[in-house]
ModelCIF file with pLDDT and N, C-alpha, C, O atoms, coordinates in Angstrom:
data_MODEL
#
_entry.id   MODEL 
#
_entity.id                         1 
_entity.type                       polymer 
_entity.pdbx_number_of_molecules   1 
#
_entity_poly.entity_id                      1 
_entity_poly.type                           'polypeptide(L)' 
_entity_poly.nstd_linkage                   no 
_entity_poly.nstd_monomer                   no 
_entity_poly.pdbx_seq_one_letter_code       
;(UNK)(UNK)(UNK)(UNK)(UNK)(UNK)(UNK)(UNK)(UNK)(UNK)(UNK)(UNK)(UNK)(UNK)(UNK)(UNK)
(UNK)(UNK)(UNK)(UNK)(UNK)(UNK)(UNK)(UNK)(UNK)(UNK)(UNK)(UNK)(UNK)(UNK)(UNK)(UNK)
(UNK)(UNK)(UNK)(UNK)(UNK)(UNK)(UNK)(UNK)(UNK)(UNK)(UNK)(UNK)(UNK)(UNK)(UNK)(UNK)
;
_entity_poly.pdbx_seq_one_letter_code_can   XXXXXXXXXXXXXXXXXXXXXXXXXXXXXXXXXXXXXXXXXXXXXXXX 
_entity_poly.pdbx_strand_id                 A 
#
loop_
_entity_poly_seq.entity_id 
_entity_poly_seq.num 
_entity_poly_seq.mon_id 
_entity_poly_seq.hetero 
1 1  UNK n 
1 2  UNK n 
1 3  UNK n 
1 4  UNK n 
1 5  UNK n 
1 6  UNK n 
1 7  UNK n 
1 8  UNK n 
1 9  UNK n 
1 10 UNK n 
1 11 UNK n 
1 12 UNK n 
1 13 UNK n 
1 14 UNK n 
1 15 UNK n 
1 16 UNK n 
1 17 UNK n 
1 18 UNK n 
1 19 UNK n 
1 20 UNK n 
1 21 UNK n 
1 22 UNK n 
1 23 UNK n 
1 24 UNK n 
1 25 UNK n 
1 26 UNK n 
1 27 UNK n 
1 28 UNK n 
1 29 UNK n 
1 30 UNK n 
1 31 UNK n 
1 32 UNK n 
1 33 UNK n 
1 34 UNK n 
1 35 UNK n 
1 36 UNK n 
1 37 UNK n 
1 38 UNK n 
1 39 UNK n 
1 40 UNK n 
1 41 UNK n 
1 42 UNK n 
1 43 UNK n 
1 44 UNK n 
1 45 UNK n 
1 46 UNK n 
1 47 UNK n 
1 48 UNK n 
#
_struct_asym.id          A 
_struct_asym.entity_id   1 
#
loop_
_ma_qa_metric.id 
_ma_qa_metric.mode 
_ma_qa_metric.name 
_ma_qa_metric.software_group_id 
_ma_qa_metric.type 
1 global pLDDT . pLDDT 
2 local  pLDDT . pLDDT 
#
_ma_qa_metric_global.metric_id      1 
_ma_qa_metric_global.metric_value   81.54 
_ma_qa_metric_global.model_id       1 
_ma_qa_metric_global.ordinal_id     1 
#
loop_
_ma_qa_metric_local.label_asym_id 
_ma_qa_metric_local.label_comp_id 
_ma_qa_metric_local.label_seq_id 
_ma_qa_metric_local.metric_id 
_ma_qa_metric_local.metric_value 
_ma_qa_metric_local.model_id 
_ma_qa_metric_local.ordinal_id 
A UNK 1  2 77.00 1 1  
A UNK 2  2 75.00 1 2  
A UNK 3  2 76.00 1 3  
A UNK 4  2 74.00 1 4  
A UNK 5  2 74.00 1 5  
A UNK 6  2 73.00 1 6  
A UNK 7  2 74.00 1 7  
A UNK 8  2 69.00 1 8  
A UNK 9  2 69.00 1 9  
A UNK 10 2 66.00 1 10 
A UNK 11 2 67.00 1 11 
A UNK 12 2 75.00 1 12 
A UNK 13 2 69.00 1 13 
A UNK 14 2 76.00 1 14 
A UNK 15 2 81.00 1 15 
A UNK 16 2 76.00 1 16 
A UNK 17 2 75.00 1 17 
A UNK 18 2 84.00 1 18 
A UNK 19 2 84.00 1 19 
A UNK 20 2 78.00 1 20 
A UNK 21 2 82.00 1 21 
A UNK 22 2 89.00 1 22 
A UNK 23 2 86.00 1 23 
A UNK 24 2 81.00 1 24 
A UNK 25 2 84.00 1 25 
A UNK 26 2 88.00 1 26 
A UNK 27 2 85.00 1 27 
A UNK 28 2 83.00 1 28 
A UNK 29 2 89.00 1 29 
A UNK 30 2 88.00 1 30 
A UNK 31 2 83.00 1 31 
A UNK 32 2 82.00 1 32 
A UNK 33 2 87.00 1 33 
A UNK 34 2 84.00 1 34 
A UNK 35 2 80.00 1 35 
A UNK 36 2 80.00 1 36 
A UNK 37 2 83.00 1 37 
A UNK 38 2 82.00 1 38 
A UNK 39 2 86.00 1 39 
A UNK 40 2 87.00 1 40 
A UNK 41 2 88.00 1 41 
A UNK 42 2 89.00 1 42 
A UNK 43 2 90.00 1 43 
A UNK 44 2 92.00 1 44 
A UNK 45 2 94.00 1 45 
A UNK 46 2 93.00 1 46 
A UNK 47 2 93.00 1 47 
A UNK 48 2 94.00 1 48 
#
loop_
_atom_site.group_PDB 
_atom_site.id 
_atom_site.type_symbol 
_atom_site.label_atom_id 
_atom_site.label_alt_id 
_atom_site.label_comp_id 
_atom_site.label_asym_id 
_atom_site.label_entity_id 
_atom_site.label_seq_id 
_atom_site.pdbx_PDB_ins_code 
_atom_site.Cartn_x 
_atom_site.Cartn_y 
_atom_site.Cartn_z 
_atom_site.occupancy 
_atom_site.B_iso_or_equiv 
_atom_site.pdbx_formal_charge 
_atom_site.auth_seq_id 
_atom_site.auth_comp_id 
_atom_site.auth_asym_id 
_atom_site.auth_atom_id 
_atom_site.pdbx_PDB_model_num 
ATOM 1   N N  . UNK A 1 1  ? 122.667 33.823 108.587 1.00 77.00 ? 1  UNK A N  1 
ATOM 2   C CA . UNK A 1 1  ? 122.933 34.119 107.181 1.00 77.00 ? 1  UNK A CA 1 
ATOM 3   C C  . UNK A 1 1  ? 121.855 33.508 106.285 1.00 77.00 ? 1  UNK A C  1 
ATOM 4   O O  . UNK A 1 1  ? 121.354 34.158 105.367 1.00 77.00 ? 1  UNK A O  1 
ATOM 5   N N  . UNK A 1 2  ? 121.509 32.258 106.564 1.00 75.00 ? 2  UNK A N  1 
ATOM 6   C CA . UNK A 1 2  ? 120.472 31.597 105.767 1.00 75.00 ? 2  UNK A CA 1 
ATOM 7   C C  . UNK A 1 2  ? 119.135 32.317 105.906 1.00 75.00 ? 2  UNK A C  1 
ATOM 8   O O  . UNK A 1 2  ? 118.415 32.499 104.925 1.00 75.00 ? 2  UNK A O  1 
ATOM 9   N N  . UNK A 1 3  ? 118.808 32.727 107.134 1.00 76.00 ? 3  UNK A N  1 
ATOM 10  C CA . UNK A 1 3  ? 117.548 33.436 107.361 1.00 76.00 ? 3  UNK A CA 1 
ATOM 11  C C  . UNK A 1 3  ? 117.552 34.790 106.663 1.00 76.00 ? 3  UNK A C  1 
ATOM 12  O O  . UNK A 1 3  ? 116.548 35.187 106.071 1.00 76.00 ? 3  UNK A O  1 
ATOM 13  N N  . UNK A 1 4  ? 118.666 35.494 106.729 1.00 74.00 ? 4  UNK A N  1 
ATOM 14  C CA . UNK A 1 4  ? 118.753 36.813 106.112 1.00 74.00 ? 4  UNK A CA 1 
ATOM 15  C C  . UNK A 1 4  ? 118.639 36.734 104.594 1.00 74.00 ? 4  UNK A C  1 
ATOM 16  O O  . UNK A 1 4  ? 117.995 37.576 103.970 1.00 74.00 ? 4  UNK A O  1 
ATOM 17  N N  . UNK A 1 5  ? 119.270 35.714 103.999 1.00 74.00 ? 5  UNK A N  1 
ATOM 18  C CA . UNK A 1 5  ? 119.231 35.561 102.548 1.00 74.00 ? 5  UNK A CA 1 
ATOM 19  C C  . UNK A 1 5  ? 117.992 34.812 102.074 1.00 74.00 ? 5  UNK A C  1 
ATOM 20  O O  . UNK A 1 5  ? 117.780 34.643 100.873 1.00 74.00 ? 5  UNK A O  1 
ATOM 21  N N  . UNK A 1 6  ? 117.168 34.358 103.036 1.00 73.00 ? 6  UNK A N  1 
ATOM 22  C CA . UNK A 1 6  ? 115.924 33.653 102.729 1.00 73.00 ? 6  UNK A CA 1 
ATOM 23  C C  . UNK A 1 6  ? 116.178 32.413 101.868 1.00 73.00 ? 6  UNK A C  1 
ATOM 24  O O  . UNK A 1 6  ? 115.536 32.201 100.839 1.00 73.00 ? 6  UNK A O  1 
ATOM 25  N N  . UNK A 1 7  ? 117.139 31.602 102.327 1.00 74.00 ? 7  UNK A N  1 
ATOM 26  C CA . UNK A 1 7  ? 117.437 30.358 101.637 1.00 74.00 ? 7  UNK A CA 1 
ATOM 27  C C  . UNK A 1 7  ? 117.452 29.237 102.665 1.00 74.00 ? 7  UNK A C  1 
ATOM 28  O O  . UNK A 1 7  ? 117.613 29.471 103.863 1.00 74.00 ? 7  UNK A O  1 
ATOM 29  N N  . UNK A 1 8  ? 117.281 28.017 102.171 1.00 69.00 ? 8  UNK A N  1 
ATOM 30  C CA . UNK A 1 8  ? 117.295 26.860 103.064 1.00 69.00 ? 8  UNK A CA 1 
ATOM 31  C C  . UNK A 1 8  ? 118.708 26.650 103.603 1.00 69.00 ? 8  UNK A C  1 
ATOM 32  O O  . UNK A 1 8  ? 119.687 26.836 102.880 1.00 69.00 ? 8  UNK A O  1 
ATOM 33  N N  . UNK A 1 9  ? 118.811 26.264 104.871 1.00 69.00 ? 9  UNK A N  1 
ATOM 34  C CA . UNK A 1 9  ? 120.110 26.064 105.508 1.00 69.00 ? 9  UNK A CA 1 
ATOM 35  C C  . UNK A 1 9  ? 120.993 25.063 104.761 1.00 69.00 ? 9  UNK A C  1 
ATOM 36  O O  . UNK A 1 9  ? 122.195 25.302 104.642 1.00 69.00 ? 9  UNK A O  1 
ATOM 37  N N  . UNK A 1 10 ? 120.440 23.936 104.246 1.00 66.00 ? 10 UNK A N  1 
ATOM 38  C CA . UNK A 1 10 ? 121.306 22.996 103.517 1.00 66.00 ? 10 UNK A CA 1 
ATOM 39  C C  . UNK A 1 10 ? 122.013 23.614 102.314 1.00 66.00 ? 10 UNK A C  1 
ATOM 40  O O  . UNK A 1 10 ? 123.052 23.117 101.880 1.00 66.00 ? 10 UNK A O  1 
ATOM 41  N N  . UNK A 1 11 ? 121.443 24.714 101.765 1.00 67.00 ? 11 UNK A N  1 
ATOM 42  C CA . UNK A 1 11 ? 122.081 25.353 100.608 1.00 67.00 ? 11 UNK A CA 1 
ATOM 43  C C  . UNK A 1 11 ? 123.419 25.971 100.968 1.00 67.00 ? 11 UNK A C  1 
ATOM 44  O O  . UNK A 1 11 ? 124.235 26.248 100.088 1.00 67.00 ? 11 UNK A O  1 
ATOM 45  N N  . UNK A 1 12 ? 123.652 26.191 102.261 1.00 75.00 ? 12 UNK A N  1 
ATOM 46  C CA . UNK A 1 12 ? 124.929 26.755 102.712 1.00 75.00 ? 12 UNK A CA 1 
ATOM 47  C C  . UNK A 1 12 ? 125.936 25.671 103.086 1.00 75.00 ? 12 UNK A C  1 
ATOM 48  O O  . UNK A 1 12 ? 127.065 25.969 103.476 1.00 75.00 ? 12 UNK A O  1 
ATOM 49  N N  . UNK A 1 13 ? 125.523 24.423 102.964 1.00 69.00 ? 13 UNK A N  1 
ATOM 50  C CA . UNK A 1 13 ? 126.395 23.337 103.400 1.00 69.00 ? 13 UNK A CA 1 
ATOM 51  C C  . UNK A 1 13 ? 127.733 23.315 102.694 1.00 69.00 ? 13 UNK A C  1 
ATOM 52  O O  . UNK A 1 13 ? 128.745 22.949 103.291 1.00 69.00 ? 13 UNK A O  1 
ATOM 53  N N  . UNK A 1 14 ? 127.751 23.707 101.419 1.00 76.00 ? 14 UNK A N  1 
ATOM 54  C CA . UNK A 1 14 ? 128.998 23.656 100.655 1.00 76.00 ? 14 UNK A CA 1 
ATOM 55  C C  . UNK A 1 14 ? 129.914 24.839 100.942 1.00 76.00 ? 14 UNK A C  1 
ATOM 56  O O  . UNK A 1 14 ? 131.072 24.829 100.526 1.00 76.00 ? 14 UNK A O  1 
ATOM 57  N N  . UNK A 1 15 ? 129.420 25.863 101.645 1.00 81.00 ? 15 UNK A N  1 
ATOM 58  C CA . UNK A 1 15 ? 130.270 27.016 101.952 1.00 81.00 ? 15 UNK A CA 1 
ATOM 59  C C  . UNK A 1 15 ? 131.488 26.577 102.758 1.00 81.00 ? 15 UNK A C  1 
ATOM 60  O O  . UNK A 1 15 ? 132.610 27.004 102.482 1.00 81.00 ? 15 UNK A O  1 
ATOM 61  N N  . UNK A 1 16 ? 131.264 25.729 103.747 1.00 76.00 ? 16 UNK A N  1 
ATOM 62  C CA . UNK A 1 16 ? 132.376 25.269 104.581 1.00 76.00 ? 16 UNK A CA 1 
ATOM 63  C C  . UNK A 1 16 ? 133.347 24.432 103.761 1.00 76.00 ? 16 UNK A C  1 
ATOM 64  O O  . UNK A 1 16 ? 134.558 24.508 103.966 1.00 76.00 ? 16 UNK A O  1 
ATOM 65  N N  . UNK A 1 17 ? 132.828 23.638 102.838 1.00 75.00 ? 17 UNK A N  1 
ATOM 66  C CA . UNK A 1 17 ? 133.713 22.860 101.972 1.00 75.00 ? 17 UNK A CA 1 
ATOM 67  C C  . UNK A 1 17 ? 134.544 23.784 101.084 1.00 75.00 ? 17 UNK A C  1 
ATOM 68  O O  . UNK A 1 17 ? 135.736 23.551 100.881 1.00 75.00 ? 17 UNK A O  1 
ATOM 69  N N  . UNK A 1 18 ? 133.906 24.840 100.552 1.00 84.00 ? 18 UNK A N  1 
ATOM 70  C CA . UNK A 1 18 ? 134.639 25.810 99.734  1.00 84.00 ? 18 UNK A CA 1 
ATOM 71  C C  . UNK A 1 18 ? 135.723 26.490 100.567 1.00 84.00 ? 18 UNK A C  1 
ATOM 72  O O  . UNK A 1 18 ? 136.837 26.713 100.093 1.00 84.00 ? 18 UNK A O  1 
ATOM 73  N N  . UNK A 1 19 ? 135.384 26.814 101.806 1.00 84.00 ? 19 UNK A N  1 
ATOM 74  C CA . UNK A 1 19 ? 136.377 27.419 102.701 1.00 84.00 ? 19 UNK A CA 1 
ATOM 75  C C  . UNK A 1 19 ? 137.597 26.516 102.831 1.00 84.00 ? 19 UNK A C  1 
ATOM 76  O O  . UNK A 1 19 ? 138.730 26.976 102.688 1.00 84.00 ? 19 UNK A O  1 
ATOM 77  N N  . UNK A 1 20 ? 137.371 25.243 103.101 1.00 78.00 ? 20 UNK A N  1 
ATOM 78  C CA . UNK A 1 20 ? 138.480 24.313 103.299 1.00 78.00 ? 20 UNK A CA 1 
ATOM 79  C C  . UNK A 1 20 ? 139.304 24.186 102.022 1.00 78.00 ? 20 UNK A C  1 
ATOM 80  O O  . UNK A 1 20 ? 140.533 24.149 102.082 1.00 78.00 ? 20 UNK A O  1 
ATOM 81  N N  . UNK A 1 21 ? 138.646 24.119 100.872 1.00 82.00 ? 21 UNK A N  1 
ATOM 82  C CA . UNK A 1 21 ? 139.358 23.985 99.595  1.00 82.00 ? 21 UNK A CA 1 
ATOM 83  C C  . UNK A 1 21 ? 140.277 25.184 99.365  1.00 82.00 ? 21 UNK A C  1 
ATOM 84  O O  . UNK A 1 21 ? 141.465 25.011 99.089  1.00 82.00 ? 21 UNK A O  1 
ATOM 85  N N  . UNK A 1 22 ? 139.735 26.397 99.475  1.00 89.00 ? 22 UNK A N  1 
ATOM 86  C CA . UNK A 1 22 ? 140.539 27.584 99.193  1.00 89.00 ? 22 UNK A CA 1 
ATOM 87  C C  . UNK A 1 22 ? 141.582 27.843 100.280 1.00 89.00 ? 22 UNK A C  1 
ATOM 88  O O  . UNK A 1 22 ? 142.685 28.304 99.985  1.00 89.00 ? 22 UNK A O  1 
ATOM 89  N N  . UNK A 1 23 ? 141.241 27.550 101.525 1.00 86.00 ? 23 UNK A N  1 
ATOM 90  C CA . UNK A 1 23 ? 142.217 27.726 102.604 1.00 86.00 ? 23 UNK A CA 1 
ATOM 91  C C  . UNK A 1 23 ? 143.383 26.770 102.434 1.00 86.00 ? 23 UNK A C  1 
ATOM 92  O O  . UNK A 1 23 ? 144.523 27.120 102.743 1.00 86.00 ? 23 UNK A O  1 
ATOM 93  N N  . UNK A 1 24 ? 143.113 25.578 101.951 1.00 81.00 ? 24 UNK A N  1 
ATOM 94  C CA . UNK A 1 24 ? 144.149 24.565 101.790 1.00 81.00 ? 24 UNK A CA 1 
ATOM 95  C C  . UNK A 1 24 ? 144.990 24.803 100.539 1.00 81.00 ? 24 UNK A C  1 
ATOM 96  O O  . UNK A 1 24 ? 146.219 24.798 100.604 1.00 81.00 ? 24 UNK A O  1 
ATOM 97  N N  . UNK A 1 25 ? 144.326 25.012 99.395  1.00 84.00 ? 25 UNK A N  1 
ATOM 98  C CA . UNK A 1 25 ? 145.047 25.119 98.133  1.00 84.00 ? 25 UNK A CA 1 
ATOM 99  C C  . UNK A 1 25 ? 145.850 26.408 98.024  1.00 84.00 ? 25 UNK A C  1 
ATOM 100 O O  . UNK A 1 25 ? 146.817 26.472 97.265  1.00 84.00 ? 25 UNK A O  1 
ATOM 101 N N  . UNK A 1 26 ? 145.463 27.425 98.766  1.00 88.00 ? 26 UNK A N  1 
ATOM 102 C CA . UNK A 1 26 ? 146.218 28.689 98.724  1.00 88.00 ? 26 UNK A CA 1 
ATOM 103 C C  . UNK A 1 26 ? 147.576 28.559 99.397  1.00 88.00 ? 26 UNK A C  1 
ATOM 104 O O  . UNK A 1 26 ? 148.448 29.404 99.192  1.00 88.00 ? 26 UNK A O  1 
ATOM 105 N N  . UNK A 1 27 ? 147.768 27.528 100.187 1.00 85.00 ? 27 UNK A N  1 
ATOM 106 C CA . UNK A 1 27 ? 148.983 27.444 100.977 1.00 85.00 ? 27 UNK A CA 1 
ATOM 107 C C  . UNK A 1 27 ? 150.221 27.065 100.179 1.00 85.00 ? 27 UNK A C  1 
ATOM 108 O O  . UNK A 1 27 ? 151.330 27.452 100.545 1.00 85.00 ? 27 UNK A O  1 
ATOM 109 N N  . UNK A 1 28 ? 150.049 26.311 99.090  1.00 83.00 ? 28 UNK A N  1 
ATOM 110 C CA . UNK A 1 28 ? 151.253 25.949 98.344  1.00 83.00 ? 28 UNK A CA 1 
ATOM 111 C C  . UNK A 1 28 ? 151.894 27.155 97.670  1.00 83.00 ? 28 UNK A C  1 
ATOM 112 O O  . UNK A 1 28 ? 153.089 27.376 97.865  1.00 83.00 ? 28 UNK A O  1 
ATOM 113 N N  . UNK A 1 29 ? 151.153 27.956 96.877  1.00 89.00 ? 29 UNK A N  1 
ATOM 114 C CA . UNK A 1 29 ? 151.807 29.141 96.305  1.00 89.00 ? 29 UNK A CA 1 
ATOM 115 C C  . UNK A 1 29 ? 152.302 30.101 97.375  1.00 89.00 ? 29 UNK A C  1 
ATOM 116 O O  . UNK A 1 29 ? 153.354 30.719 97.215  1.00 89.00 ? 29 UNK A O  1 
ATOM 117 N N  . UNK A 1 30 ? 151.553 30.230 98.464  1.00 88.00 ? 30 UNK A N  1 
ATOM 118 C CA . UNK A 1 30 ? 151.995 31.104 99.553  1.00 88.00 ? 30 UNK A CA 1 
ATOM 119 C C  . UNK A 1 30 ? 153.273 30.558 100.191 1.00 88.00 ? 30 UNK A C  1 
ATOM 120 O O  . UNK A 1 30 ? 154.192 31.322 100.483 1.00 88.00 ? 30 UNK A O  1 
ATOM 121 N N  . UNK A 1 31 ? 153.339 29.248 100.407 1.00 83.00 ? 31 UNK A N  1 
ATOM 122 C CA . UNK A 1 31 ? 154.521 28.645 100.994 1.00 83.00 ? 31 UNK A CA 1 
ATOM 123 C C  . UNK A 1 31 ? 155.726 28.741 100.081 1.00 83.00 ? 31 UNK A C  1 
ATOM 124 O O  . UNK A 1 31 ? 156.841 28.999 100.536 1.00 83.00 ? 31 UNK A O  1 
ATOM 125 N N  . UNK A 1 32 ? 155.498 28.528 98.773  1.00 82.00 ? 32 UNK A N  1 
ATOM 126 C CA . UNK A 1 32 ? 156.593 28.647 97.804  1.00 82.00 ? 32 UNK A CA 1 
ATOM 127 C C  . UNK A 1 32 ? 157.173 30.057 97.840  1.00 82.00 ? 32 UNK A C  1 
ATOM 128 O O  . UNK A 1 32 ? 158.392 30.228 97.872  1.00 82.00 ? 32 UNK A O  1 
ATOM 129 N N  . UNK A 1 33 ? 156.312 31.058 97.835  1.00 87.00 ? 33 UNK A N  1 
ATOM 130 C CA . UNK A 1 33 ? 156.753 32.449 97.871  1.00 87.00 ? 33 UNK A CA 1 
ATOM 131 C C  . UNK A 1 33 ? 157.495 32.738 99.180  1.00 87.00 ? 33 UNK A C  1 
ATOM 132 O O  . UNK A 1 33 ? 158.558 33.358 99.176  1.00 87.00 ? 33 UNK A O  1 
ATOM 133 N N  . UNK A 1 34 ? 156.931 32.288 100.280 1.00 84.00 ? 34 UNK A N  1 
ATOM 134 C CA . UNK A 1 34 ? 157.510 32.592 101.585 1.00 84.00 ? 34 UNK A CA 1 
ATOM 135 C C  . UNK A 1 34 ? 158.900 31.978 101.740 1.00 84.00 ? 34 UNK A C  1 
ATOM 136 O O  . UNK A 1 34 ? 159.793 32.623 102.289 1.00 84.00 ? 34 UNK A O  1 
ATOM 137 N N  . UNK A 1 35 ? 159.103 30.744 101.268 1.00 80.00 ? 35 UNK A N  1 
ATOM 138 C CA . UNK A 1 35 ? 160.414 30.106 101.380 1.00 80.00 ? 35 UNK A CA 1 
ATOM 139 C C  . UNK A 1 35 ? 161.480 30.886 100.620 1.00 80.00 ? 35 UNK A C  1 
ATOM 140 O O  . UNK A 1 35 ? 162.664 30.784 100.944 1.00 80.00 ? 35 UNK A O  1 
ATOM 141 N N  . UNK A 1 36 ? 161.081 31.663 99.615  1.00 80.00 ? 36 UNK A N  1 
ATOM 142 C CA . UNK A 1 36 ? 162.041 32.362 98.756  1.00 80.00 ? 36 UNK A CA 1 
ATOM 143 C C  . UNK A 1 36 ? 162.057 33.873 98.956  1.00 80.00 ? 36 UNK A C  1 
ATOM 144 O O  . UNK A 1 36 ? 163.086 34.512 98.734  1.00 80.00 ? 36 UNK A O  1 
ATOM 145 N N  . UNK A 1 37 ? 160.916 34.465 99.380  1.00 83.00 ? 37 UNK A N  1 
ATOM 146 C CA . UNK A 1 37 ? 160.828 35.925 99.466  1.00 83.00 ? 37 UNK A CA 1 
ATOM 147 C C  . UNK A 1 37 ? 160.484 36.446 100.851 1.00 83.00 ? 37 UNK A C  1 
ATOM 148 O O  . UNK A 1 37 ? 160.515 37.657 101.073 1.00 83.00 ? 37 UNK A O  1 
ATOM 149 N N  . UNK A 1 38 ? 160.158 35.571 101.782 1.00 82.00 ? 38 UNK A N  1 
ATOM 150 C CA . UNK A 1 38 ? 159.796 36.028 103.111 1.00 82.00 ? 38 UNK A CA 1 
ATOM 151 C C  . UNK A 1 38 ? 158.304 36.270 103.258 1.00 82.00 ? 38 UNK A C  1 
ATOM 152 O O  . UNK A 1 38 ? 157.565 36.165 102.279 1.00 82.00 ? 38 UNK A O  1 
ATOM 153 N N  . UNK A 1 39 ? 157.840 36.594 104.476 1.00 86.00 ? 39 UNK A N  1 
ATOM 154 C CA . UNK A 1 39 ? 156.399 36.629 104.757 1.00 86.00 ? 39 UNK A CA 1 
ATOM 155 C C  . UNK A 1 39 ? 155.702 37.978 104.611 1.00 86.00 ? 39 UNK A C  1 
ATOM 156 O O  . UNK A 1 39 ? 154.472 38.016 104.607 1.00 86.00 ? 39 UNK A O  1 
ATOM 157 N N  . UNK A 1 40 ? 156.436 39.092 104.491 1.00 87.00 ? 40 UNK A N  1 
ATOM 158 C CA . UNK A 1 40 ? 155.811 40.401 104.685 1.00 87.00 ? 40 UNK A CA 1 
ATOM 159 C C  . UNK A 1 40 ? 154.720 40.735 103.665 1.00 87.00 ? 40 UNK A C  1 
ATOM 160 O O  . UNK A 1 40 ? 153.598 41.057 104.056 1.00 87.00 ? 40 UNK A O  1 
ATOM 161 N N  . UNK A 1 41 ? 155.026 40.665 102.368 1.00 88.00 ? 41 UNK A N  1 
ATOM 162 C CA . UNK A 1 41 ? 154.023 41.004 101.359 1.00 88.00 ? 41 UNK A CA 1 
ATOM 163 C C  . UNK A 1 41 ? 152.821 40.063 101.435 1.00 88.00 ? 41 UNK A C  1 
ATOM 164 O O  . UNK A 1 41 ? 151.680 40.482 101.240 1.00 88.00 ? 41 UNK A O  1 
ATOM 165 N N  . UNK A 1 42 ? 153.087 38.800 101.716 1.00 89.00 ? 42 UNK A N  1 
ATOM 166 C CA . UNK A 1 42 ? 152.001 37.834 101.859 1.00 89.00 ? 42 UNK A CA 1 
ATOM 167 C C  . UNK A 1 42 ? 151.039 38.244 102.965 1.00 89.00 ? 42 UNK A C  1 
ATOM 168 O O  . UNK A 1 42 ? 149.824 38.105 102.822 1.00 89.00 ? 42 UNK A O  1 
ATOM 169 N N  . UNK A 1 43 ? 151.587 38.750 104.071 1.00 90.00 ? 43 UNK A N  1 
ATOM 170 C CA . UNK A 1 43 ? 150.736 39.088 105.198 1.00 90.00 ? 43 UNK A CA 1 
ATOM 171 C C  . UNK A 1 43 ? 149.878 40.321 104.915 1.00 90.00 ? 43 UNK A C  1 
ATOM 172 O O  . UNK A 1 43 ? 148.747 40.404 105.393 1.00 90.00 ? 43 UNK A O  1 
ATOM 173 N N  . UNK A 1 44 ? 150.398 41.273 104.149 1.00 92.00 ? 44 UNK A N  1 
ATOM 174 C CA . UNK A 1 44 ? 149.567 42.415 103.757 1.00 92.00 ? 44 UNK A CA 1 
ATOM 175 C C  . UNK A 1 44 ? 148.398 41.950 102.892 1.00 92.00 ? 44 UNK A C  1 
ATOM 176 O O  . UNK A 1 44 ? 147.270 42.413 103.065 1.00 92.00 ? 44 UNK A O  1 
ATOM 177 N N  . UNK A 1 45 ? 148.668 41.037 101.962 1.00 94.00 ? 45 UNK A N  1 
ATOM 178 C CA . UNK A 1 45 ? 147.603 40.491 101.123 1.00 94.00 ? 45 UNK A CA 1 
ATOM 179 C C  . UNK A 1 45 ? 146.588 39.729 101.972 1.00 94.00 ? 45 UNK A C  1 
ATOM 180 O O  . UNK A 1 45 ? 145.382 39.870 101.769 1.00 94.00 ? 45 UNK A O  1 
ATOM 181 N N  . UNK A 1 46 ? 147.063 38.928 102.917 1.00 93.00 ? 46 UNK A N  1 
ATOM 182 C CA . UNK A 1 46 ? 146.160 38.166 103.779 1.00 93.00 ? 46 UNK A CA 1 
ATOM 183 C C  . UNK A 1 46 ? 145.266 39.079 104.595 1.00 93.00 ? 46 UNK A C  1 
ATOM 184 O O  . UNK A 1 46 ? 144.096 38.763 104.812 1.00 93.00 ? 46 UNK A O  1 
ATOM 185 N N  . UNK A 1 47 ? 145.796 40.210 105.053 1.00 93.00 ? 47 UNK A N  1 
ATOM 186 C CA . UNK A 1 47 ? 144.997 41.157 105.835 1.00 93.00 ? 47 UNK A CA 1 
ATOM 187 C C  . UNK A 1 47 ? 143.823 41.674 105.016 1.00 93.00 ? 47 UNK A C  1 
ATOM 188 O O  . UNK A 1 47 ? 142.704 41.766 105.520 1.00 93.00 ? 47 UNK A O  1 
ATOM 189 N N  . UNK A 1 48 ? 144.075 42.010 103.760 1.00 94.00 ? 48 UNK A N  1 
ATOM 190 C CA . UNK A 1 48 ? 143.010 42.529 102.900 1.00 94.00 ? 48 UNK A CA 1 
ATOM 191 C C  . UNK A 1 48 ? 141.961 41.463 102.601 1.00 94.00 ? 48 UNK A C  1 
ATOM 192 O O  . UNK A 1 48 ? 140.993 41.732 101.889 1.00 94.00 ? 48 UNK A O  1 
#
């Protein structure tokens, strides 16, 4: 990816941190919804 975009590899270092942040913080609203409404609509959204 770094080679294709012609950028230095360290510039991608924060991508993994962003992944962890969004993967983690998305779970509370998803969990709140799931405890009350079930998993189906959430899973369609996750697929997209």
